[in-house]
């Protein structure tokens, strides 16, 4: 035996009673009588317990239990229904081991994830209740109805209702979504709007080969780059897909130095043949056979760098929930 240490050293036996709000006096366990016994070497716990239980001064001995969190969602499509990338098995190198992350955090309700895309189907059975609001940056009205289905697919990966016995599991179980309807041509206004409503993480699954300039290298960058810089400098994390053309050209907004550019990888971690490449890529994420929410409360495969980007955005949000001292840098 190496040492004996009180488990609750600050507990005062004189305070072993408690008056409940209804006036009833109840007796508390005297926590001052509990000790940890530490051993320098490995011991036979069974033999030790048998010997010490014969002592009148010891009421009982128990072996400390190692508790393991089990953050396994109940959603019907997890993990075999196109959600392989969330699992912890070693079959596919590109698994992102989200189950391990969920044992640390499943996200936080204070987080606001922005989606700049075709809108989102807010009434979807696995999205309903997760959308905090939205705005059509093209029409200038507070409408975010999905006009193409793309945005609904992106949204599900990030924030679909999880552990609800229905549909799919999202990476972040608790964050709220803010949907900005619009893309390429309205990127500057969309990014600025996201900043104005307090978006913490902004996903942009779109891009263009036009060079708008980078605020870190150009004295007078284009409006998209300038807007991205202003949002980033105020601690918004911006993520964008690199594109699906199998080329290495400059792509905006993914190649801005203030934006995390995302390419697509296959099951084994190799680049998907369609995924663009080049210096603007900072992360690659899974793409093939990924299930997500689709229009009319359905589900289906959703791929390309358009799904790799929201996987990255959602993972960033989990990191942010686990450590709130981190900043977008």
Protein backbone atom coordinates (compact mmCIF):
# COMPACT_ATOMS: atom_id res chain seq x y z
CA UNK A 1 0.00 0.00 0.00
CA UNK A 2 1.37 3.39 -0.99
CA UNK A 3 -1.05 5.95 0.43
CA UNK A 4 -4.53 6.52 1.81
CA UNK A 5 -6.28 9.74 0.80
CA UNK A 6 -9.67 11.12 1.75
CA UNK A 7 -11.98 11.29 -1.25
CA UNK A 8 -13.95 14.26 0.11
CA UNK A 9 -11.47 16.16 2.32
CA UNK A 10 -13.64 19.26 2.62
CA UNK A 11 -16.74 17.45 3.84
CA UNK A 12 -17.64 18.37 7.44
CA UNK A 13 -19.38 15.55 9.33
CA UNK A 14 -21.25 18.22 11.30
CA UNK A 15 -23.11 19.03 8.08
CA UNK A 16 -24.54 15.56 7.61
CA UNK A 17 -28.14 16.76 7.65
CA UNK A 18 -29.96 18.92 5.12
CA UNK A 19 -33.23 20.83 5.28
CA UNK A 20 -35.17 20.43 2.06
CA UNK A 21 -37.32 23.25 0.61
CA UNK A 22 -40.43 21.52 2.01
CA UNK A 23 -38.96 21.74 5.53
CA UNK A 24 -38.14 18.06 5.83
CA UNK A 25 -34.79 17.27 7.45
CA UNK A 26 -32.90 14.52 5.67
CA UNK A 27 -29.69 12.72 6.60
CA UNK A 28 -26.75 12.84 4.22
CA UNK A 29 -24.05 10.23 3.85
CA UNK A 30 -21.00 11.13 5.91
CA UNK A 31 -18.55 11.57 3.04
CA UNK A 32 -15.64 12.12 5.44
CA UNK A 33 -15.46 8.35 5.91
CA UNK A 34 -14.56 7.58 2.29
CA UNK A 35 -10.95 7.01 1.26
CA UNK A 36 -8.92 6.15 -1.81
CA UNK A 37 -6.25 3.52 -1.26
CA UNK A 38 -3.36 3.73 -3.70
CA UNK A 39 -0.83 1.00 -4.41
CA UNK A 40 2.64 1.39 -5.80
CA UNK A 41 2.54 -2.07 -7.35
CA UNK A 42 -0.14 -4.32 -8.83
CA UNK A 43 -2.07 -6.24 -6.17
CA UNK A 44 -4.55 -9.09 -6.09
CA UNK A 45 -7.69 -7.09 -5.42
CA UNK A 46 -9.72 -10.15 -4.41
CA UNK A 47 -7.23 -11.24 -1.78
CA UNK A 48 -6.81 -7.68 -0.50
CA UNK A 49 -10.55 -7.23 -0.17
CA UNK A 50 -10.98 -10.52 1.68
CA UNK A 51 -8.27 -9.59 4.19
CA UNK A 52 -9.42 -6.04 4.85
CA UNK A 53 -13.12 -6.83 5.06
CA UNK A 54 -12.31 -8.73 8.24
CA UNK A 55 -11.30 -5.47 9.94
CA UNK A 56 -14.01 -3.85 12.06
CA UNK A 57 -12.83 -0.37 11.08
CA UNK A 58 -13.62 -0.94 7.40
CA UNK A 59 -17.25 -1.17 6.33
CA UNK A 60 -16.63 -2.11 2.72
CA UNK A 61 -14.14 -2.06 -0.12
CA UNK A 62 -15.02 -1.32 -3.71
CA UNK A 63 -12.85 -1.22 -6.78
CA UNK A 64 -13.03 2.05 -8.76
CA UNK A 65 -14.92 1.66 -12.02
CA UNK A 66 -13.75 3.10 -15.32
CA UNK A 67 -16.72 4.70 -17.02
CA UNK A 68 -16.83 5.00 -20.81
CA UNK A 69 -19.15 7.44 -22.50
CA UNK A 70 -21.27 5.93 -25.22
CA UNK A 71 -22.34 8.66 -27.59
CA UNK A 72 -23.87 6.36 -30.18
CA UNK A 73 -26.88 8.02 -31.85
CA UNK A 74 -30.10 6.12 -32.40
CA UNK A 75 -30.71 7.45 -35.93
CA UNK A 76 -31.81 4.69 -38.29
CA UNK A 77 -29.26 5.49 -41.03
CA UNK A 78 -26.28 5.51 -38.66
CA UNK A 79 -23.75 4.16 -39.41
CA UNK A 80 -24.48 1.77 -42.28
CA UNK A 81 -26.90 3.93 -44.27
CA UNK A 82 -24.33 6.11 -45.99
CA UNK A 83 -22.82 7.46 -42.76
CA UNK A 84 -19.70 5.31 -42.80
CA UNK A 85 -17.44 8.35 -42.44
CA UNK A 86 -18.68 9.02 -38.89
CA UNK A 87 -17.70 5.63 -37.56
CA UNK A 88 -14.61 4.57 -35.62
CA UNK A 89 -13.81 1.30 -37.37
CA UNK A 90 -10.62 0.91 -39.37
CA UNK A 91 -12.20 -0.42 -42.55
CA UNK A 92 -11.99 2.98 -44.23
CA UNK A 93 -8.97 5.20 -43.70
CA UNK A 94 -11.09 8.32 -44.27
CA UNK A 95 -13.30 7.76 -41.23
CA UNK A 96 -13.28 10.95 -39.20
CA UNK A 97 -13.91 9.16 -35.88
CA UNK A 98 -16.80 11.39 -34.93
CA UNK A 99 -17.96 8.92 -32.28
CA UNK A 100 -14.74 9.59 -30.39
CA UNK A 101 -15.33 13.33 -30.71
CA UNK A 102 -18.91 12.96 -29.45
CA UNK A 103 -17.53 11.47 -26.25
CA UNK A 104 -16.00 14.90 -25.67
CA UNK A 105 -18.72 17.15 -27.10
CA UNK A 106 -21.74 16.94 -29.36
CA UNK A 107 -21.72 20.68 -30.02
CA UNK A 108 -23.37 23.58 -28.24
CA UNK A 109 -26.70 25.35 -28.68
CA UNK A 110 -24.93 28.71 -28.50
CA UNK A 111 -23.15 27.99 -31.80
CA UNK A 112 -24.52 29.40 -35.03
CA UNK A 113 -23.47 27.68 -38.25
CA UNK A 114 -24.06 29.66 -41.41
CA UNK A 115 -25.02 28.07 -44.71
CA UNK A 116 -24.69 30.12 -47.89
CA UNK A 117 -26.33 28.02 -50.56
CA UNK A 118 -29.61 27.39 -52.38
CA UNK A 119 -31.56 27.62 -49.12
CA UNK A 120 -32.75 24.85 -46.84
CA UNK A 121 -35.94 22.85 -46.39
CA UNK A 122 -36.76 23.95 -42.87
CA UNK A 123 -39.75 21.62 -42.66
CA UNK A 124 -37.68 18.50 -43.33
CA UNK A 125 -38.33 15.88 -40.63
CA UNK A 126 -34.65 15.84 -39.69
CA UNK A 127 -34.06 19.60 -39.91
CA UNK A 128 -37.26 21.05 -38.47
CA UNK A 129 -36.42 23.00 -35.32
CA UNK A 130 -32.72 23.32 -36.06
CA UNK A 131 -32.92 26.47 -38.22
CA UNK A 132 -32.59 29.74 -36.30
CA UNK A 133 -33.45 31.90 -39.31
CA UNK A 134 -32.34 32.90 -42.74
CA UNK A 135 -32.26 35.49 -45.49
CA UNK A 136 -32.45 35.55 -49.27
CA UNK A 137 -29.48 37.74 -50.13
CA UNK A 138 -30.58 37.96 -53.77
CA UNK A 139 -34.17 39.11 -53.18
CA UNK A 140 -33.46 40.93 -49.95
CA UNK A 141 -36.20 39.17 -47.98
CA UNK A 142 -36.13 36.83 -44.94
CA UNK A 143 -36.83 33.70 -46.97
CA UNK A 144 -34.62 30.62 -47.13
CA UNK A 145 -36.78 28.05 -48.92
CA UNK A 146 -34.54 25.69 -50.87
CA UNK A 147 -34.91 26.26 -54.60
CA UNK A 148 -32.60 23.45 -55.74
CA UNK A 149 -32.03 20.92 -52.95
CA UNK A 150 -28.30 21.51 -52.72
CA UNK A 151 -28.45 23.53 -49.52
CA UNK A 152 -30.66 20.97 -47.79
CA UNK A 153 -28.05 18.31 -48.53
CA UNK A 154 -25.29 20.48 -47.11
CA UNK A 155 -27.33 21.32 -44.00
CA UNK A 156 -28.09 17.74 -43.02
CA UNK A 157 -24.44 16.76 -42.75
CA UNK A 158 -23.85 19.59 -40.29
CA UNK A 159 -26.98 19.93 -38.13
CA UNK A 160 -29.64 17.28 -38.84
CA UNK A 161 -31.55 16.28 -35.72
CA UNK A 162 -29.57 13.50 -34.10
CA UNK A 163 -30.32 10.70 -31.65
CA UNK A 164 -34.03 10.95 -32.49
CA UNK A 165 -34.59 7.45 -33.92
CA UNK A 166 -35.14 9.04 -37.35
CA UNK A 167 -33.07 9.44 -40.49
CA UNK A 168 -29.45 10.48 -40.26
CA UNK A 169 -26.98 11.66 -37.65
CA UNK A 170 -25.30 15.04 -38.01
CA UNK A 171 -21.80 15.87 -36.85
CA UNK A 172 -23.00 18.68 -34.58
CA UNK A 173 -26.07 17.65 -32.57
CA UNK A 174 -26.81 21.00 -30.97
CA UNK A 175 -25.71 23.98 -33.07
CA UNK A 176 -28.32 26.12 -34.80
CA UNK A 177 -28.32 26.85 -38.52
CA UNK A 178 -28.66 30.20 -40.25
CA UNK A 179 -29.46 29.84 -43.95
CA UNK A 180 -28.33 32.50 -46.43
CA UNK A 181 -29.87 31.92 -49.82
CA UNK A 182 -27.48 32.97 -52.58
CA UNK A 183 -23.99 32.17 -53.78
CA UNK A 184 -21.23 33.22 -56.17
CA UNK A 185 -22.40 36.62 -57.38
CA UNK A 186 -23.75 37.58 -53.97
CA UNK A 187 -20.90 36.13 -51.93
CA UNK A 188 -19.68 39.52 -50.65
CA UNK A 189 -23.12 40.49 -49.34
CA UNK A 190 -23.75 36.98 -48.03
CA UNK A 191 -20.54 36.87 -46.02
CA UNK A 192 -21.20 40.33 -44.61
CA UNK A 193 -24.75 39.34 -43.70
CA UNK A 194 -23.51 36.23 -41.94
CA UNK A 195 -21.15 38.41 -39.94
CA UNK A 196 -23.95 40.82 -39.03
CA UNK A 197 -26.14 38.08 -37.52
CA UNK A 198 -23.35 36.49 -35.50
CA UNK A 199 -22.52 33.39 -37.51
CA UNK A 200 -19.60 31.50 -35.95
CA UNK A 201 -18.87 29.08 -38.79
CA UNK A 202 -19.82 29.74 -42.41
CA UNK A 203 -20.01 27.01 -45.03
CA UNK A 204 -19.82 27.92 -48.71
CA UNK A 205 -20.16 24.90 -51.01
CA UNK A 206 -19.66 26.87 -54.21
CA UNK A 207 -16.87 28.62 -56.05
CA UNK A 208 -15.57 30.33 -59.16
CA UNK A 209 -12.31 30.36 -61.09
CA UNK A 210 -12.38 34.16 -61.20
CA UNK A 211 -9.57 35.71 -59.19
CA UNK A 212 -11.05 38.21 -56.79
CA UNK A 213 -7.74 38.93 -55.07
CA UNK A 214 -6.49 38.02 -51.64
CA UNK A 215 -6.53 40.66 -48.87
CA UNK A 216 -3.28 39.35 -47.43
CA UNK A 217 -1.41 39.89 -50.68
CA UNK A 218 -3.37 42.56 -52.54
CA UNK A 219 -3.66 46.12 -51.34
CA UNK A 220 -7.16 46.46 -52.76
CA UNK A 221 -8.82 43.02 -53.02
CA UNK A 222 -12.16 42.29 -54.61
CA UNK A 223 -15.35 42.53 -52.57
CA UNK A 224 -15.59 38.81 -51.77
CA UNK A 225 -12.05 38.66 -50.46
CA UNK A 226 -12.49 41.89 -48.50
CA UNK A 227 -15.76 40.69 -46.98
CA UNK A 228 -14.20 37.33 -46.06
CA UNK A 229 -11.25 39.09 -44.45
CA UNK A 230 -13.47 41.34 -42.34
CA UNK A 231 -15.53 38.37 -41.12
CA UNK A 232 -12.42 36.29 -40.39
CA UNK A 233 -10.65 39.07 -38.52
CA UNK A 234 -13.74 39.26 -36.27
CA UNK A 235 -13.40 35.53 -35.49
CA UNK A 236 -15.69 33.83 -38.00
CA UNK A 237 -14.39 30.54 -39.40
CA UNK A 238 -15.06 30.38 -43.15
CA UNK A 239 -15.01 27.12 -45.13
CA UNK A 240 -15.47 26.63 -48.87
CA UNK A 241 -15.41 23.74 -51.32
CA UNK A 242 -12.55 23.65 -53.81
CA UNK A 243 -14.72 22.42 -56.71
CA UNK A 244 -15.20 19.31 -58.82
CA UNK A 245 -13.38 19.95 -62.11
CA UNK A 246 -10.09 18.07 -61.57
CA UNK A 247 -8.04 21.21 -62.12
CA UNK A 248 -5.57 23.23 -60.07
CA UNK A 249 -6.71 26.76 -60.93
CA UNK A 250 -7.25 29.51 -58.37
CA UNK A 251 -10.74 29.08 -56.96
CA UNK A 252 -12.68 31.68 -54.99
CA UNK A 253 -13.59 31.82 -52.19
CA UNK A 254 -11.82 28.56 -51.20
CA UNK A 255 -8.35 29.89 -52.08
CA UNK A 256 -8.55 33.07 -50.03
CA UNK A 257 -6.06 32.89 -47.17
CA UNK A 258 -8.89 33.69 -44.75
CA UNK A 259 -10.97 30.72 -45.93
CA UNK A 260 -10.37 27.01 -45.35
CA UNK A 261 -10.40 25.34 -48.77
CA UNK A 262 -11.65 21.75 -48.82
CA UNK A 263 -11.02 19.00 -51.33
CA UNK A 264 -12.64 15.56 -51.51
CA UNK A 265 -11.10 12.20 -50.63
CA UNK A 266 -12.21 8.62 -51.11
CA UNK A 267 -12.60 5.80 -48.60
CA UNK A 268 -8.85 5.22 -48.45
CA UNK A 269 -7.98 8.90 -48.09
CA UNK A 270 -6.81 9.37 -51.68
CA UNK A 271 -8.01 12.33 -53.74
CA UNK A 272 -11.26 11.82 -55.58
CA UNK A 273 -10.58 12.07 -59.31
CA UNK A 274 -12.96 14.98 -59.78
CA UNK A 275 -11.69 17.03 -56.83
CA UNK A 276 -9.83 20.20 -57.71
CA UNK A 277 -6.34 20.49 -56.28
CA UNK A 278 -3.67 23.09 -55.68
CA UNK A 279 -2.28 25.36 -53.02
CA UNK A 280 -5.68 26.54 -51.81
CA UNK A 281 -6.57 23.18 -50.25
CA UNK A 282 -5.97 22.98 -46.52
CA UNK A 283 -8.19 19.99 -45.74
CA UNK A 284 -9.62 17.00 -47.57
CA UNK A 285 -12.75 15.29 -46.29
CA UNK A 286 -14.83 12.23 -47.25
CA UNK A 287 -17.07 12.43 -50.28
CA UNK A 288 -18.27 9.09 -51.73
CA UNK A 289 -21.59 7.51 -50.77
CA UNK A 290 -22.46 10.05 -48.10
CA UNK A 291 -26.14 10.16 -47.16
CA UNK A 292 -27.79 13.46 -46.31
CA UNK A 293 -31.16 15.14 -46.15
CA UNK A 294 -32.91 15.77 -49.47
CA UNK A 295 -36.03 17.70 -50.44
CA UNK A 296 -39.50 16.58 -49.33
CA UNK A 297 -38.24 14.98 -46.09
CA UNK A 298 -36.26 12.33 -47.95
CA UNK A 299 -32.67 11.14 -47.82
CA UNK A 300 -30.15 10.27 -50.49
CA UNK A 301 -26.50 10.23 -51.49
CA UNK A 302 -24.81 13.61 -51.68
CA UNK A 303 -21.24 13.98 -52.85
CA UNK A 304 -18.44 16.09 -54.28
CA UNK A 305 -16.48 18.75 -52.50
CA UNK A 306 -19.91 20.17 -51.66
CA UNK A 307 -20.25 17.52 -48.95
CA UNK A 308 -16.58 17.52 -47.96
CA UNK A 309 -16.86 21.21 -47.02
CA UNK A 310 -19.77 20.90 -44.54
CA UNK A 311 -18.13 17.86 -42.95
CA UNK A 312 -15.15 20.13 -42.31
CA UNK A 313 -17.30 23.01 -41.09
CA UNK A 314 -19.14 20.78 -38.64
CA UNK A 315 -15.92 19.25 -37.32
CA UNK A 316 -14.57 22.76 -36.75
CA UNK A 317 -17.70 23.56 -34.77
CA UNK A 318 -17.12 20.55 -32.51
CA UNK A 319 -13.56 21.73 -31.93
CA UNK A 320 -14.93 25.17 -31.07
CA UNK A 321 -17.40 23.66 -28.62
CA UNK A 322 -14.69 21.59 -26.96
CA UNK A 323 -12.37 24.57 -26.53
CA UNK A 324 -14.07 27.97 -26.49
CA UNK A 325 -10.75 29.78 -26.21
CA UNK A 326 -9.80 28.97 -29.80
CA UNK A 327 -10.06 31.69 -32.44
CA UNK A 328 -10.34 31.63 -36.22
CA UNK A 329 -6.72 31.86 -37.32
